[in-house]
């Protein structure tokens, strides 16, 4: 899988970080998240999303919200620090959604500004009201409340900050997890800064890892991080071929073993024929068969030459008495011919 700015691949799942402001040109960009999400779901069945954001652009946030909602992977979202404003809406995509007991969730109405005449200002106000209606629908689905109930409770012009315990009781989240302890009386800004600093430290650790990789022989020619990633991709591609190569190697090994088996069987048959022929010709005795069989396995060439130098001791009667193809010896066959000839006289 390609490495993007906000994505950390793992063994069975990957993690997407929503750390920072949401917008088209901010830390959390909708186009980047959507692209990374499509790349991730093609590789992983489970995706963890970790949020630490004070919110941002509503339209960019809706795009991210829809990207998570339409994702085929299982999405689990964790609020590590702050999920405020539009970030709290995106958090609703988590199935499930968890918060650190030190984290904060914040809901409020849509804010915006416009410069122009009264008609243009009226249009801006209408846009804000339309966006609020959309956000009310999003919250209502999660909280099992009506959009009007959401508008009355949370879109009253105030910022509604919720602790993890409060968010759990109200149904915003599905559970609370323990994170790195921070003072419980920390302000939302302090919580956000704490986790943002932790994230930046993780990035520095990531950079150190790349520097360490460059020192290894396999990465010696890598001039920058992109070269390291390309080299890792090459290694992954090569590693992916290993199972097929092992299977092909195993098949070839079986074929070689079968060939060797047949070759050994043919050689043993040839040796047995050589020994039996030498016995039938009277070159060796029956007890000597075992000796010459063993000698043929040790040095076939010399043993075969030695057998040929031995004198043939078989008598003519032996040849005559040997059975032919039809199972009858030449001598017996000749005797029958003579008897048949004499009986006609």
C-alpha atoms as a PDB file:
ATOM      1  CA  UNK A   1       0.000   0.000   0.000  1.00  0.00           C
ATOM      2  CA  UNK A   2       1.222   3.499  -0.818  1.00  0.00           C
ATOM      3  CA  UNK A   3       2.056   5.711   2.118  1.00  0.00           C
ATOM      4  CA  UNK A   4       0.095   8.934   2.456  1.00  0.00           C
ATOM      5  CA  UNK A   5       0.532  11.715   4.969  1.00  0.00           C
ATOM      6  CA  UNK A   6      -2.349  10.713   7.246  1.00  0.00           C
ATOM      7  CA  UNK A   7      -2.230   6.918   6.908  1.00  0.00           C
ATOM      8  CA  UNK A   8      -0.278   4.396   8.977  1.00  0.00           C
ATOM      9  CA  UNK A   9      -0.508   0.798   7.648  1.00  0.00           C
ATOM     10  CA  UNK A  10      -0.536  -2.127  10.081  1.00  0.00           C
ATOM     11  CA  UNK A  11      -0.753  -5.910   9.874  1.00  0.00           C
ATOM     12  CA  UNK A  12      -4.525  -6.458   9.884  1.00  0.00           C
ATOM     13  CA  UNK A  13      -5.753  -2.859   9.826  1.00  0.00           C
ATOM     14  CA  UNK A  14      -4.561   0.610   9.008  1.00  0.00           C
ATOM     15  CA  UNK A  15      -4.955   3.885  10.853  1.00  0.00           C
ATOM     16  CA  UNK A  16      -6.041   7.209   9.329  1.00  0.00           C
ATOM     17  CA  UNK A  17      -5.249  10.323  11.337  1.00  0.00           C
ATOM     18  CA  UNK A  18      -7.594  13.299  11.356  1.00  0.00           C
ATOM     19  CA  UNK A  19      -5.282  15.588  13.299  1.00  0.00           C
ATOM     20  CA  UNK A  20      -5.639  19.293  12.651  1.00  0.00           C
ATOM     21  CA  UNK A  21      -8.069  21.687  10.988  1.00  0.00           C
ATOM     22  CA  UNK A  22     -10.478  20.418   8.327  1.00  0.00           C
ATOM     23  CA  UNK A  23     -10.476  22.221   4.988  1.00  0.00           C
ATOM     24  CA  UNK A  24      -9.354  22.231   1.391  1.00  0.00           C
ATOM     25  CA  UNK A  25      -5.943  23.709   2.243  1.00  0.00           C
ATOM     26  CA  UNK A  26      -5.574  22.724   5.906  1.00  0.00           C
ATOM     27  CA  UNK A  27      -4.027  19.731   7.685  1.00  0.00           C
ATOM     28  CA  UNK A  28      -7.049  17.483   7.071  1.00  0.00           C
ATOM     29  CA  UNK A  29      -7.999  17.776   3.409  1.00  0.00           C
ATOM     30  CA  UNK A  30     -11.081  15.993   2.054  1.00  0.00           C
ATOM     31  CA  UNK A  31      -9.410  14.984  -1.224  1.00  0.00           C
ATOM     32  CA  UNK A  32      -6.449  13.413   0.608  1.00  0.00           C
ATOM     33  CA  UNK A  33      -8.667  11.544   3.065  1.00  0.00           C
ATOM     34  CA  UNK A  34     -10.974  10.233   0.312  1.00  0.00           C
ATOM     35  CA  UNK A  35      -7.988   9.047  -1.760  1.00  0.00           C
ATOM     36  CA  UNK A  36      -6.284   7.419   1.209  1.00  0.00           C
ATOM     37  CA  UNK A  37      -9.536   5.748   2.234  1.00  0.00           C
ATOM     38  CA  UNK A  38     -10.048   4.190  -1.203  1.00  0.00           C
ATOM     39  CA  UNK A  39      -6.448   2.959  -1.168  1.00  0.00           C
ATOM     40  CA  UNK A  40      -6.850   1.575   2.359  1.00  0.00           C
ATOM     41  CA  UNK A  41     -10.125  -0.289   1.794  1.00  0.00           C
ATOM     42  CA  UNK A  42      -8.572  -2.112  -1.162  1.00  0.00           C
ATOM     43  CA  UNK A  43      -6.002  -3.623   1.229  1.00  0.00           C
ATOM     44  CA  UNK A  44      -7.566  -3.706   4.690  1.00  0.00           C
ATOM     45  CA  UNK A  45     -10.939  -4.891   5.978  1.00  0.00           C
ATOM     46  CA  UNK A  46     -10.626  -2.760   9.107  1.00  0.00           C
ATOM     47  CA  UNK A  47      -9.694   0.901   9.375  1.00  0.00           C
ATOM     48  CA  UNK A  48      -9.100   2.831  12.581  1.00  0.00           C
ATOM     49  CA  UNK A  49      -9.608   6.591  12.498  1.00  0.00           C
ATOM     50  CA  UNK A  50      -8.120   8.800  15.225  1.00  0.00           C
ATOM     51  CA  UNK A  51      -9.462  12.322  15.622  1.00  0.00           C
ATOM     52  CA  UNK A  52      -7.907  15.366  17.233  1.00  0.00           C
ATOM     53  CA  UNK A  53      -9.449  18.358  15.491  1.00  0.00           C
ATOM     54  CA  UNK A  54     -11.090  21.650  16.403  1.00  0.00           C
ATOM     55  CA  UNK A  55     -13.236  21.403  13.262  1.00  0.00           C
ATOM     56  CA  UNK A  56     -13.165  23.451  10.090  1.00  0.00           C
ATOM     57  CA  UNK A  57     -14.888  23.822   6.737  1.00  0.00           C
ATOM     58  CA  UNK A  58     -18.385  22.270   6.677  1.00  0.00           C
ATOM     59  CA  UNK A  59     -18.392  21.277   3.011  1.00  0.00           C
ATOM     60  CA  UNK A  60     -14.973  19.588   3.250  1.00  0.00           C
ATOM     61  CA  UNK A  61     -16.196  17.854   6.421  1.00  0.00           C
ATOM     62  CA  UNK A  62     -19.317  16.553   4.686  1.00  0.00           C
ATOM     63  CA  UNK A  63     -17.145  15.129   1.902  1.00  0.00           C
ATOM     64  CA  UNK A  64     -15.025  13.294   4.505  1.00  0.00           C
ATOM     65  CA  UNK A  65     -18.191  12.148   6.316  1.00  0.00           C
ATOM     66  CA  UNK A  66     -19.594  10.640   3.093  1.00  0.00           C
ATOM     67  CA  UNK A  67     -16.257   9.011   2.254  1.00  0.00           C
ATOM     68  CA  UNK A  68     -16.300   7.182   5.592  1.00  0.00           C
ATOM     69  CA  UNK A  69     -20.000   6.313   5.327  1.00  0.00           C
ATOM     70  CA  UNK A  70     -19.526   4.760   1.870  1.00  0.00           C
ATOM     71  CA  UNK A  71     -16.354   2.879   2.787  1.00  0.00           C
ATOM     72  CA  UNK A  72     -16.599  -0.918   2.483  1.00  0.00           C
ATOM     73  CA  UNK A  73     -14.204  -1.499   5.386  1.00  0.00           C
ATOM     74  CA  UNK A  74     -15.144  -1.619   9.059  1.00  0.00           C
ATOM     75  CA  UNK A  75     -14.581   1.877  10.452  1.00  0.00           C
ATOM     76  CA  UNK A  76     -13.749   2.366  14.125  1.00  0.00           C
ATOM     77  CA  UNK A  77     -13.230   5.948  15.242  1.00  0.00           C
ATOM     78  CA  UNK A  78     -11.345   7.121  18.330  1.00  0.00           C
ATOM     79  CA  UNK A  79     -11.475  10.657  19.672  1.00  0.00           C
ATOM     80  CA  UNK A  80      -7.996  11.046  21.154  1.00  0.00           C
ATOM     81  CA  UNK A  81      -8.132  14.727  22.053  1.00  0.00           C
ATOM     82  CA  UNK A  82     -10.855  16.968  20.670  1.00  0.00           C
ATOM     83  CA  UNK A  83     -13.630  16.394  18.148  1.00  0.00           C
ATOM     84  CA  UNK A  84     -15.146  19.847  17.869  1.00  0.00           C
ATOM     85  CA  UNK A  85     -17.625  21.356  15.450  1.00  0.00           C
ATOM     86  CA  UNK A  86     -17.367  19.589  12.057  1.00  0.00           C
ATOM     87  CA  UNK A  87     -14.973  17.002  13.511  1.00  0.00           C
ATOM     88  CA  UNK A  88     -17.745  15.872  15.883  1.00  0.00           C
ATOM     89  CA  UNK A  89     -19.995  15.238  12.859  1.00  0.00           C
ATOM     90  CA  UNK A  90     -17.330  13.137  11.128  1.00  0.00           C
ATOM     91  CA  UNK A  91     -16.895  11.150  14.344  1.00  0.00           C
ATOM     92  CA  UNK A  92     -20.482   9.917  13.989  1.00  0.00           C
ATOM     93  CA  UNK A  93     -19.303   7.604  11.186  1.00  0.00           C
ATOM     94  CA  UNK A  94     -17.582   5.349  13.681  1.00  0.00           C
ATOM     95  CA  UNK A  95     -19.206   1.989  14.130  1.00  0.00           C
ATOM     96  CA  UNK A  96     -18.266   1.980  16.916  1.00  0.00           C
ATOM     97  CA  UNK A  97     -17.109   5.410  18.163  1.00  0.00           C
ATOM     98  CA  UNK A  98     -14.893   5.634  21.250  1.00  0.00           C
ATOM     99  CA  UNK A  99     -13.527   8.570  23.237  1.00  0.00           C
ATOM    100  CA  UNK A 100     -10.616   8.891  25.579  1.00  0.00           C
ATOM    101  CA  UNK A 101     -11.884   9.707  29.049  1.00  0.00           C
ATOM    102  CA  UNK A 102      -9.756  12.845  28.823  1.00  0.00           C
ATOM    103  CA  UNK A 103     -11.093  13.929  25.431  1.00  0.00           C
ATOM    104  CA  UNK A 104     -13.780  16.490  24.575  1.00  0.00           C
ATOM    105  CA  UNK A 105     -16.631  16.626  22.088  1.00  0.00           C
ATOM    106  CA  UNK A 106     -18.117  19.961  21.019  1.00  0.00           C
ATOM    107  CA  UNK A 107     -21.294  20.758  19.095  1.00  0.00           C
ATOM    108  CA  UNK A 108     -22.523  24.150  17.932  1.00  0.00           C
ATOM    109  CA  UNK A 109     -24.270  25.872  15.072  1.00  0.00           C
ATOM    110  CA  UNK A 110     -22.682  26.731  11.748  1.00  0.00           C
ATOM    111  CA  UNK A 111     -20.571  29.891  11.663  1.00  0.00           C
ATOM    112  CA  UNK A 112     -19.838  31.900   8.563  1.00  0.00           C
ATOM    113  CA  UNK A 113     -19.312  35.347   7.159  1.00  0.00           C
ATOM    114  CA  UNK A 114     -20.097  37.230   3.994  1.00  0.00           C
ATOM    115  CA  UNK A 115     -19.571  40.659   2.502  1.00  0.00           C
ATOM    116  CA  UNK A 116     -22.169  42.200   0.215  1.00  0.00           C
ATOM    117  CA  UNK A 117     -25.586  43.776  -0.050  1.00  0.00           C
ATOM    118  CA  UNK A 118     -28.618  42.708   1.964  1.00  0.00           C
ATOM    119  CA  UNK A 119     -29.773  40.204  -0.643  1.00  0.00           C
ATOM    120  CA  UNK A 120     -26.360  38.560  -0.665  1.00  0.00           C
ATOM    121  CA  UNK A 121     -26.358  38.485   3.130  1.00  0.00           C
ATOM    122  CA  UNK A 122     -29.809  36.906   3.097  1.00  0.00           C
ATOM    123  CA  UNK A 123     -28.457  34.249   0.727  1.00  0.00           C
ATOM    124  CA  UNK A 124     -25.573  33.581   3.119  1.00  0.00           C
ATOM    125  CA  UNK A 125     -28.012  33.224   6.033  1.00  0.00           C
ATOM    126  CA  UNK A 126     -30.115  30.809   3.985  1.00  0.00           C
ATOM    127  CA  UNK A 127     -27.024  28.721   3.216  1.00  0.00           C
ATOM    128  CA  UNK A 128     -26.120  28.570   6.917  1.00  0.00           C
ATOM    129  CA  UNK A 129     -29.653  27.483   7.855  1.00  0.00           C
ATOM    130  CA  UNK A 130     -29.603  24.823   5.131  1.00  0.00           C
ATOM    131  CA  UNK A 131     -26.252  23.498   6.372  1.00  0.00           C
ATOM    132  CA  UNK A 132     -27.525  23.420   9.948  1.00  0.00           C
ATOM    133  CA  UNK A 133     -30.557  21.410   8.807  1.00  0.00           C
ATOM    134  CA  UNK A 134     -28.184  18.917   7.160  1.00  0.00           C
ATOM    135  CA  UNK A 135     -26.045  18.631  10.285  1.00  0.00           C
ATOM    136  CA  UNK A 136     -29.153  18.179  12.442  1.00  0.00           C
ATOM    137  CA  UNK A 137     -30.123  15.194  10.266  1.00  0.00           C
ATOM    138  CA  UNK A 138     -26.639  13.718  10.733  1.00  0.00           C
ATOM    139  CA  UNK A 139     -26.705  14.081  14.520  1.00  0.00           C
ATOM    140  CA  UNK A 140     -30.329  12.915  14.781  1.00  0.00           C
ATOM    141  CA  UNK A 141     -29.603   9.589  13.094  1.00  0.00           C
ATOM    142  CA  UNK A 142     -26.878   8.775  15.619  1.00  0.00           C
ATOM    143  CA  UNK A 143     -28.742  10.015  18.714  1.00  0.00           C
ATOM    144  CA  UNK A 144     -32.165   8.641  17.754  1.00  0.00           C
ATOM    145  CA  UNK A 145     -33.655  12.141  18.125  1.00  0.00           C
ATOM    146  CA  UNK A 146     -35.593  14.312  15.721  1.00  0.00           C
ATOM    147  CA  UNK A 147     -33.715  17.016  13.765  1.00  0.00           C
ATOM    148  CA  UNK A 148     -35.787  19.644  15.544  1.00  0.00           C
ATOM    149  CA  UNK A 149     -34.729  18.261  18.954  1.00  0.00           C
ATOM    150  CA  UNK A 150     -31.090  18.492  17.871  1.00  0.00           C
ATOM    151  CA  UNK A 151     -31.571  22.075  16.675  1.00  0.00           C
ATOM    152  CA  UNK A 152     -33.213  23.096  19.946  1.00  0.00           C
ATOM    153  CA  UNK A 153     -30.562  21.470  22.169  1.00  0.00           C
ATOM    154  CA  UNK A 154     -27.330  22.193  20.347  1.00  0.00           C
ATOM    155  CA  UNK A 155     -27.885  24.845  17.655  1.00  0.00           C
ATOM    156  CA  UNK A 156     -28.804  27.651  20.006  1.00  0.00           C
ATOM    157  CA  UNK A 157     -25.769  29.851  19.387  1.00  0.00           C
ATOM    158  CA  UNK A 158     -23.671  28.367  22.231  1.00  0.00           C
ATOM    159  CA  UNK A 159     -20.733  25.925  22.200  1.00  0.00           C
ATOM    160  CA  UNK A 160     -21.705  22.669  23.892  1.00  0.00           C
ATOM    161  CA  UNK A 161     -18.622  20.931  25.287  1.00  0.00           C
ATOM    162  CA  UNK A 162     -19.076  17.328  26.400  1.00  0.00           C
ATOM    163  CA  UNK A 163     -16.777  15.079  28.386  1.00  0.00           C
ATOM    164  CA  UNK A 164     -16.513  11.420  27.477  1.00  0.00           C
ATOM    165  CA  UNK A 165     -18.893  10.469  30.282  1.00  0.00           C
ATOM    166  CA  UNK A 166     -21.454  13.040  29.127  1.00  0.00           C
ATOM    167  CA  UNK A 167     -21.121  11.992  25.501  1.00  0.00           C
ATOM    168  CA  UNK A 168     -21.652   8.345  26.485  1.00  0.00           C
ATOM    169  CA  UNK A 169     -24.791   9.116  28.490  1.00  0.00           C
ATOM    170  CA  UNK A 170     -26.259  11.173  25.640  1.00  0.00           C
ATOM    171  CA  UNK A 171     -25.548   8.453  23.079  1.00  0.00           C
ATOM    172  CA  UNK A 172     -22.912  10.267  21.025  1.00  0.00           C
ATOM    173  CA  UNK A 173     -20.283   7.570  21.609  1.00  0.00           C
ATOM    174  CA  UNK A 174     -20.269   3.812  22.156  1.00  0.00           C
ATOM    175  CA  UNK A 175     -17.558   3.569  24.772  1.00  0.00           C
ATOM    176  CA  UNK A 176     -14.647   5.155  26.622  1.00  0.00           C
ATOM    177  CA  UNK A 177     -11.056   4.030  26.482  1.00  0.00           C
ATOM    178  CA  UNK A 178      -8.075   5.005  28.613  1.00  0.00           C
ATOM    179  CA  UNK A 179      -5.440   7.102  26.922  1.00  0.00           C
ATOM    180  CA  UNK A 180      -2.245   8.753  28.072  1.00  0.00           C
ATOM    181  CA  UNK A 181      -3.205  10.605  31.266  1.00  0.00           C
ATOM    182  CA  UNK A 182      -3.554  14.370  31.155  1.00  0.00           C
ATOM    183  CA  UNK A 183      -5.052  16.658  33.801  1.00  0.00           C
ATOM    184  CA  UNK A 184      -8.825  16.219  33.913  1.00  0.00           C
ATOM    185  CA  UNK A 185      -9.345  19.961  34.352  1.00  0.00           C
ATOM    186  CA  UNK A 186      -7.509  20.724  31.085  1.00  0.00           C
ATOM    187  CA  UNK A 187      -9.217  23.132  28.715  1.00  0.00           C
ATOM    188  CA  UNK A 188     -10.204  21.925  25.233  1.00  0.00           C
ATOM    189  CA  UNK A 189      -7.303  23.946  23.781  1.00  0.00           C
ATOM    190  CA  UNK A 190      -4.844  22.233  26.151  1.00  0.00           C
ATOM    191  CA  UNK A 191      -6.205  18.772  25.270  1.00  0.00           C
ATOM    192  CA  UNK A 192      -5.899  19.551  21.558  1.00  0.00           C
ATOM    193  CA  UNK A 193      -2.331  20.836  21.945  1.00  0.00           C
ATOM    194  CA  UNK A 194      -1.316  17.777  23.983  1.00  0.00           C
ATOM    195  CA  UNK A 195      -2.363  15.279  21.327  1.00  0.00           C
ATOM    196  CA  UNK A 196      -1.132  17.444  18.477  1.00  0.00           C
ATOM    197  CA  UNK A 197       2.327  17.511  20.068  1.00  0.00           C
ATOM    198  CA  UNK A 198       2.142  13.740  20.532  1.00  0.00           C
ATOM    199  CA  UNK A 199       1.296  13.364  16.841  1.00  0.00           C
ATOM    200  CA  UNK A 200       4.201  15.597  15.808  1.00  0.00           C
ATOM    201  CA  UNK A 201       6.547  13.480  17.926  1.00  0.00           C
ATOM    202  CA  UNK A 202       5.266  10.400  16.097  1.00  0.00           C
ATOM    203  CA  UNK A 203       6.097  12.049  12.790  1.00  0.00           C
ATOM    204  CA  UNK A 204       9.621  12.784  14.008  1.00  0.00           C
ATOM    205  CA  UNK A 205       9.972   9.143  15.023  1.00  0.00           C
ATOM    206  CA  UNK A 206       8.783   8.198  11.542  1.00  0.00           C
ATOM    207  CA  UNK A 207      11.483  10.387   9.996  1.00  0.00           C
ATOM    208  CA  UNK A 208      14.128   8.810  12.239  1.00  0.00           C
ATOM    209  CA  UNK A 209      12.987   5.410  11.047  1.00  0.00           C
ATOM    210  CA  UNK A 210      13.581   6.454   7.437  1.00  0.00           C
ATOM    211  CA  UNK A 211      17.060   7.694   8.308  1.00  0.00           C
ATOM    212  CA  UNK A 212      17.851   4.367   9.960  1.00  0.00           C
ATOM    213  CA  UNK A 213      16.605   2.465   6.888  1.00  0.00           C
ATOM    214  CA  UNK A 214      18.883   4.471   4.602  1.00  0.00           C
ATOM    215  CA  UNK A 215      21.877   3.132   6.544  1.00  0.00           C
ATOM    216  CA  UNK A 216      21.030  -0.467   5.663  1.00  0.00           C
ATOM    217  CA  UNK A 217      22.661  -2.119   2.605  1.00  0.00           C
ATOM    218  CA  UNK A 218      19.346  -2.679   0.807  1.00  0.00           C
ATOM    219  CA  UNK A 219      18.582   1.049   1.014  1.00  0.00           C
ATOM    220  CA  UNK A 220      22.109   2.366   0.440  1.00  0.00           C
ATOM    221  CA  UNK A 221      21.186   4.022  -2.872  1.00  0.00           C
ATOM    222  CA  UNK A 222      18.112   5.807  -1.490  1.00  0.00           C
ATOM    223  CA  UNK A 223      18.622   9.566  -1.540  1.00  0.00           C
ATOM    224  CA  UNK A 224      15.311  10.522   0.099  1.00  0.00           C
ATOM    225  CA  UNK A 225      12.202   9.114   1.773  1.00  0.00           C
ATOM    226  CA  UNK A 226      10.448   8.568  -1.561  1.00  0.00           C
ATOM    227  CA  UNK A 227      13.320   6.357  -2.723  1.00  0.00           C
ATOM    228  CA  UNK A 228      13.020   4.362   0.507  1.00  0.00           C
ATOM    229  CA  UNK A 229       9.288   3.857  -0.090  1.00  0.00           C
ATOM    230  CA  UNK A 230       9.918   2.769  -3.682  1.00  0.00           C
ATOM    231  CA  UNK A 231      12.511   0.283  -2.456  1.00  0.00           C
ATOM    232  CA  UNK A 232      10.031  -1.050   0.123  1.00  0.00           C
ATOM    233  CA  UNK A 233       7.436  -1.442  -2.654  1.00  0.00           C
ATOM    234  CA  UNK A 234       9.985  -3.415  -4.701  1.00  0.00           C
ATOM    235  CA  UNK A 235      10.744  -5.668  -1.733  1.00  0.00           C
ATOM    236  CA  UNK A 236       7.025  -6.208  -1.126  1.00  0.00           C
ATOM    237  CA  UNK A 237       6.548  -7.124  -4.797  1.00  0.00           C
ATOM    238  CA  UNK A 238       9.454  -9.568  -4.640  1.00  0.00           C
ATOM    239  CA  UNK A 239       8.153 -11.048  -1.387  1.00  0.00           C
ATOM    240  CA  UNK A 240       4.739 -11.476  -2.996  1.00  0.00           C
ATOM    241  CA  UNK A 241       6.281 -13.738  -5.635  1.00  0.00           C
ATOM    242  CA  UNK A 242       7.821 -16.077  -3.052  1.00  0.00           C
ATOM    243  CA  UNK A 243       4.755 -18.350  -2.538  1.00  0.00           C
ATOM    244  CA  UNK A 244       4.401 -18.971  -6.293  1.00  0.00           C
ATOM    245  CA  UNK A 245       8.141 -19.575  -6.663  1.00  0.00           C
ATOM    246  CA  UNK A 246       8.125 -21.982  -3.722  1.00  0.00           C
ATOM    247  CA  UNK A 247       5.179 -23.864  -5.242  1.00  0.00           C
ATOM    248  CA  UNK A 248       6.929 -24.064  -8.638  1.00  0.00           C
ATOM    249  CA  UNK A 249      10.167 -25.165  -6.969  1.00  0.00           C
ATOM    250  CA  UNK A 250       8.318 -27.868  -5.049  1.00  0.00           C
ATOM    251  CA  UNK A 251       6.709 -29.129  -8.258  1.00  0.00           C
ATOM    252  CA  UNK A 252      10.069 -29.270 -10.039  1.00  0.00           C
ATOM    253  CA  UNK A 253      11.621 -31.055  -7.074  1.00  0.00           C
ATOM    254  CA  UNK A 254       8.865 -33.691  -7.179  1.00  0.00           C
ATOM    255  CA  UNK A 255       9.416 -34.142 -10.909  1.00  0.00           C
ATOM    256  CA  UNK A 256      13.181 -34.547 -10.399  1.00  0.00           C
ATOM    257  CA  UNK A 257      12.613 -37.057  -7.600  1.00  0.00           C
ATOM    258  CA  UNK A 258      10.247 -39.037  -9.833  1.00  0.00           C
ATOM    259  CA  UNK A 259      12.785 -38.974 -12.681  1.00  0.00           C
ATOM    260  CA  UNK A 260      15.558 -40.142 -10.338  1.00  0.00           C
ATOM    261  CA  UNK A 261      13.328 -42.923  -9.058  1.00  0.00           C
ATOM    262  CA  UNK A 262      12.610 -44.178 -12.561  1.00  0.00           C
ATOM    263  CA  UNK A 263      16.281 -43.848 -13.504  1.00  0.00           C
ATOM    264  CA  UNK A 264      17.322 -45.887 -10.447  1.00  0.00           C
ATOM    265  CA  UNK A 265      14.714 -48.529 -11.210  1.00  0.00           C
ATOM    266  CA  UNK A 266      15.953 -48.767 -14.812  1.00  0.00           C
ATOM    267  CA  UNK A 267      19.572 -49.025 -13.643  1.00  0.00           C
ATOM    268  CA  UNK A 268      18.708 -51.738 -11.118  1.00  0.00           C
ATOM    269  CA  UNK A 269      16.854 -53.683 -13.838  1.00  0.00           C
ATOM    270  CA  UNK A 270      19.864 -53.385 -16.157  1.00  0.00           C
ATOM    271  CA  UNK A 271      22.209 -54.573 -13.386  1.00  0.00           C
ATOM    272  CA  UNK A 272      19.930 -57.495 -12.608  1.00  0.00           C
ATOM    273  CA  UNK A 273      19.871 -58.473 -16.291  1.00  0.00           C
ATOM    274  CA  UNK A 274      23.670 -58.283 -16.449  1.00  0.00           C
ATOM    275  CA  UNK A 275      24.096 -60.466 -13.346  1.00  0.00           C
ATOM    276  CA  UNK A 276      21.504 -63.029 -14.494  1.00  0.00           C
ATOM    277  CA  UNK A 277      23.082 -63.198 -17.969  1.00  0.00           C
ATOM    278  CA  UNK A 278      26.504 -63.814 -16.425  1.00  0.00           C
ATOM    279  CA  UNK A 279      24.974 -66.558 -14.266  1.00  0.00           C
ATOM    280  CA  UNK A 280      23.174 -68.195 -17.184  1.00  0.00           C
ATOM    281  CA  UNK A 281      26.413 -68.179 -19.205  1.00  0.00           C
ATOM    282  CA  UNK A 282      28.218 -69.832 -16.315  1.00  0.00           C
ATOM    283  CA  UNK A 283      30.527 -66.882 -15.717  1.00  0.00           C
ATOM    284  CA  UNK A 284      29.436 -66.650 -12.054  1.00  0.00           C
ATOM    285  CA  UNK A 285      27.771 -68.949  -9.550  1.00  0.00           C
ATOM    286  CA  UNK A 286      24.478 -68.309  -7.786  1.00  0.00           C
ATOM    287  CA  UNK A 287      26.130 -67.205  -4.476  1.00  0.00           C
ATOM    288  CA  UNK A 288      28.274 -64.761  -6.459  1.00  0.00           C
ATOM    289  CA  UNK A 289      25.191 -62.876  -7.724  1.00  0.00           C
ATOM    290  CA  UNK A 290      24.904 -60.868  -4.486  1.00  0.00           C
ATOM    291  CA  UNK A 291      28.584 -59.920  -4.633  1.00  0.00           C
ATOM    292  CA  UNK A 292      28.379 -58.653  -8.194  1.00  0.00           C
ATOM    293  CA  UNK A 293      25.096 -56.777  -7.563  1.00  0.00           C
ATOM    294  CA  UNK A 294      26.823 -54.802  -4.796  1.00  0.00           C
ATOM    295  CA  UNK A 295      29.932 -54.277  -6.943  1.00  0.00           C
ATOM    296  CA  UNK A 296      27.814 -52.868  -9.789  1.00  0.00           C
ATOM    297  CA  UNK A 297      26.380 -50.222  -7.428  1.00  0.00           C
ATOM    298  CA  UNK A 298      29.897 -49.238  -6.309  1.00  0.00           C
ATOM    299  CA  UNK A 299      31.660 -49.201  -9.697  1.00  0.00           C
ATOM    300  CA  UNK A 300      29.475 -50.356 -12.534  1.00  0.00           C
ATOM    301  CA  UNK A 301      32.012 -49.802 -15.317  1.00  0.00           C
ATOM    302  CA  UNK A 302      34.800 -51.909 -13.752  1.00  0.00           C
ATOM    303  CA  UNK A 303      32.408 -54.612 -12.577  1.00  0.00           C
ATOM    304  CA  UNK A 304      30.812 -54.943 -16.022  1.00  0.00           C
ATOM    305  CA  UNK A 305      34.287 -55.179 -17.587  1.00  0.00           C
ATOM    306  CA  UNK A 306      35.287 -57.828 -15.044  1.00  0.00           C
ATOM    307  CA  UNK A 307      32.183 -59.922 -15.845  1.00  0.00           C
ATOM    308  CA  UNK A 308      33.021 -59.848 -19.543  1.00  0.00           C
ATOM    309  CA  UNK A 309      36.534 -61.185 -18.913  1.00  0.00           C
ATOM    310  CA  UNK A 310      35.183 -64.251 -17.075  1.00  0.00           C
ATOM    311  CA  UNK A 311      35.046 -67.409 -19.289  1.00  0.00           C
ATOM    312  CA  UNK A 312      31.695 -68.785 -20.372  1.00  0.00           C
ATOM    313  CA  UNK A 313      31.151 -72.239 -18.808  1.00  0.00           C
ATOM    314  CA  UNK A 314      27.651 -72.992 -20.078  1.00  0.00           C
ATOM    315  CA  UNK A 315      27.287 -76.297 -22.006  1.00  0.00           C
ATOM    316  CA  UNK A 316      25.417 -76.691 -25.252  1.00  0.00           C
ATOM    317  CA  UNK A 317      22.772 -78.654 -23.333  1.00  0.00           C
ATOM    318  CA  UNK A 318      22.182 -75.598 -21.205  1.00  0.00           C
ATOM    319  CA  UNK A 319      21.274 -73.643 -24.314  1.00  0.00           C
ATOM    320  CA  UNK A 320      19.074 -76.394 -25.620  1.00  0.00           C
ATOM    321  CA  UNK A 321      17.337 -76.710 -22.272  1.00  0.00           C
ATOM    322  CA  UNK A 322      16.628 -73.005 -21.913  1.00  0.00           C
ATOM    323  CA  UNK A 323      12.917 -72.200 -22.494  1.00  0.00           C
ATOM    324  CA  UNK A 324      11.975 -70.239 -25.621  1.00  0.00           C
ATOM    325  CA  UNK A 325       9.315 -67.537 -25.950  1.00  0.00           C
ATOM    326  CA  UNK A 326       6.507 -70.106 -25.928  1.00  0.00           C
ATOM    327  CA  UNK A 327       7.808 -71.652 -22.697  1.00  0.00           C
ATOM    328  CA  UNK A 328       9.219 -74.805 -24.306  1.00  0.00           C
ATOM    329  CA  UNK A 329      12.964 -75.484 -24.563  1.00  0.00           C
ATOM    330  CA  UNK A 330      14.664 -75.999 -27.915  1.00  0.00           C
ATOM    331  CA  UNK A 331      15.731 -79.495 -26.862  1.00  0.00           C
ATOM    332  CA  UNK A 332      12.183 -80.551 -25.934  1.00  0.00           C
ATOM    333  CA  UNK A 333      10.829 -79.064 -29.125  1.00  0.00           C
ATOM    334  CA  UNK A 334      13.407 -80.964 -31.227  1.00  0.00           C
ATOM    335  CA  UNK A 335      12.609 -84.243 -29.462  1.00  0.00           C
ATOM    336  CA  UNK A 336       8.936 -83.867 -30.351  1.00  0.00           C
ATOM    337  CA  UNK A 337       9.810 -83.222 -33.973  1.00  0.00           C
ATOM    338  CA  UNK A 338      11.890 -86.435 -34.095  1.00  0.00           C
ATOM    339  CA  UNK A 339       9.134 -88.491 -32.428  1.00  0.00           C
ATOM    340  CA  UNK A 340       6.557 -87.120 -34.831  1.00  0.00           C
ATOM    341  CA  UNK A 341       8.742 -87.978 -37.817  1.00  0.00           C
ATOM    342  CA  UNK A 342       9.374 -91.558 -36.589  1.00  0.00           C
ATOM    343  CA  UNK A 343       5.670 -92.178 -35.967  1.00  0.00           C
ATOM    344  CA  UNK A 344       4.880 -91.549 -39.636  1.00  0.00           C
ATOM    345  CA  UNK A 345       7.176 -94.287 -40.811  1.00  0.00           C
END
